[in-house]
């Protein structure tokens, strides 16, 4: 069993969240605001229990850098 499995499952959930919450047209980039992404990711990672606070913060810092280049929006390709 891979220790990365919880992360992959979480990222799959985040992809689905982006596709559900986006205002982009069907087949578009499925962008959502960083604040929304950060809230959902932090919440889901915390209830998962296998991802450390340090890993959560580091991941979100990288996502924020990408989002800042796209008017504060997170794209699925960012993760």
Protein backbone atom coordinates (compact mmCIF):
# COMPACT_ATOMS: atom_id res chain seq x y z
CA UNK A 1 0.00 0.00 0.00
CA UNK A 2 1.39 3.35 -1.00
CA UNK A 3 1.62 6.14 1.54
CA UNK A 4 0.60 8.51 -1.29
CA UNK A 5 -2.81 6.89 -1.73
CA UNK A 6 -4.60 9.33 0.64
CA UNK A 7 -3.09 12.26 -1.27
CA UNK A 8 -4.22 10.87 -4.64
CA UNK A 9 -7.71 10.24 -3.31
CA UNK A 10 -7.84 13.78 -1.91
CA UNK A 11 -6.67 15.27 -5.20
CA UNK A 12 -9.33 13.27 -7.04
CA UNK A 13 -11.93 14.73 -4.67
CA UNK A 14 -10.55 18.22 -5.26
CA UNK A 15 -10.77 17.73 -9.03
CA UNK A 16 -14.42 16.77 -8.68
CA UNK A 17 -15.04 19.79 -6.42
CA UNK A 18 -13.50 22.11 -9.02
CA UNK A 19 -15.67 20.60 -11.74
CA UNK A 20 -18.80 21.02 -9.60
CA UNK A 21 -18.08 24.51 -8.24
CA UNK A 22 -16.67 26.20 -11.32
CA UNK A 23 -18.57 28.81 -13.26
CA UNK A 24 -16.57 27.90 -16.39
CA UNK A 25 -18.55 26.36 -19.26
CA UNK A 26 -18.67 22.57 -19.63
CA UNK A 27 -15.27 21.32 -20.79
CA UNK A 28 -13.56 24.51 -19.60
CA UNK A 29 -10.66 24.87 -17.18
CA UNK A 30 -12.87 24.24 -14.10
CA UNK A 31 -11.35 27.18 -12.23
CA UNK A 32 -12.32 28.03 -8.67
CA UNK A 33 -11.07 30.82 -6.39
CA UNK A 34 -7.98 29.95 -4.33
CA UNK A 35 -9.85 30.76 -1.11
CA UNK A 36 -12.49 28.14 -1.92
CA UNK A 37 -9.88 25.58 -2.95
CA UNK A 38 -7.79 26.23 0.16
CA UNK A 39 -10.79 25.90 2.48
CA UNK A 40 -11.94 22.61 0.92
CA UNK A 41 -8.46 21.11 0.69
CA UNK A 42 -7.60 22.01 4.28
CA UNK A 43 -10.88 20.61 5.55
CA UNK A 44 -10.67 17.34 3.61
CA UNK A 45 -6.98 16.85 4.44
CA UNK A 46 -7.66 17.41 8.15
CA UNK A 47 -10.44 14.82 8.29
CA UNK A 48 -8.29 12.39 6.28
CA UNK A 49 -5.81 12.44 9.16
CA UNK A 50 -2.85 11.08 7.20
CA UNK A 51 -1.59 14.36 5.75
CA UNK A 52 0.46 16.51 8.09
CA UNK A 53 -0.21 20.20 8.67
CA UNK A 54 3.23 20.89 7.18
CA UNK A 55 2.35 18.98 4.00
CA UNK A 56 -0.99 20.81 3.75
CA UNK A 57 0.66 24.22 4.10
CA UNK A 58 3.43 23.40 1.61
CA UNK A 59 0.94 22.11 -0.96
CA UNK A 60 -1.30 25.18 -0.62
CA UNK A 61 1.67 27.55 -0.90
CA UNK A 62 2.56 25.98 -4.25
CA UNK A 63 -1.05 26.16 -5.42
CA UNK A 64 -1.28 29.81 -4.34
CA UNK A 65 1.79 30.68 -6.42
CA UNK A 66 0.08 29.20 -9.47
CA UNK A 67 -3.28 30.79 -8.67
CA UNK A 68 -1.66 34.21 -8.29
CA UNK A 69 -0.60 33.94 -11.95
CA UNK A 70 -4.24 33.31 -12.93
CA UNK A 71 -6.11 36.12 -11.14
CA UNK A 72 -6.39 34.10 -7.92
CA UNK A 73 -8.03 31.12 -9.62
CA UNK A 74 -6.96 27.49 -9.19
CA UNK A 75 -6.99 25.33 -12.29
CA UNK A 76 -7.07 21.53 -12.13
CA UNK A 77 -3.72 21.40 -13.94
CA UNK A 78 -2.15 23.20 -10.94
CA UNK A 79 -2.37 19.99 -8.96
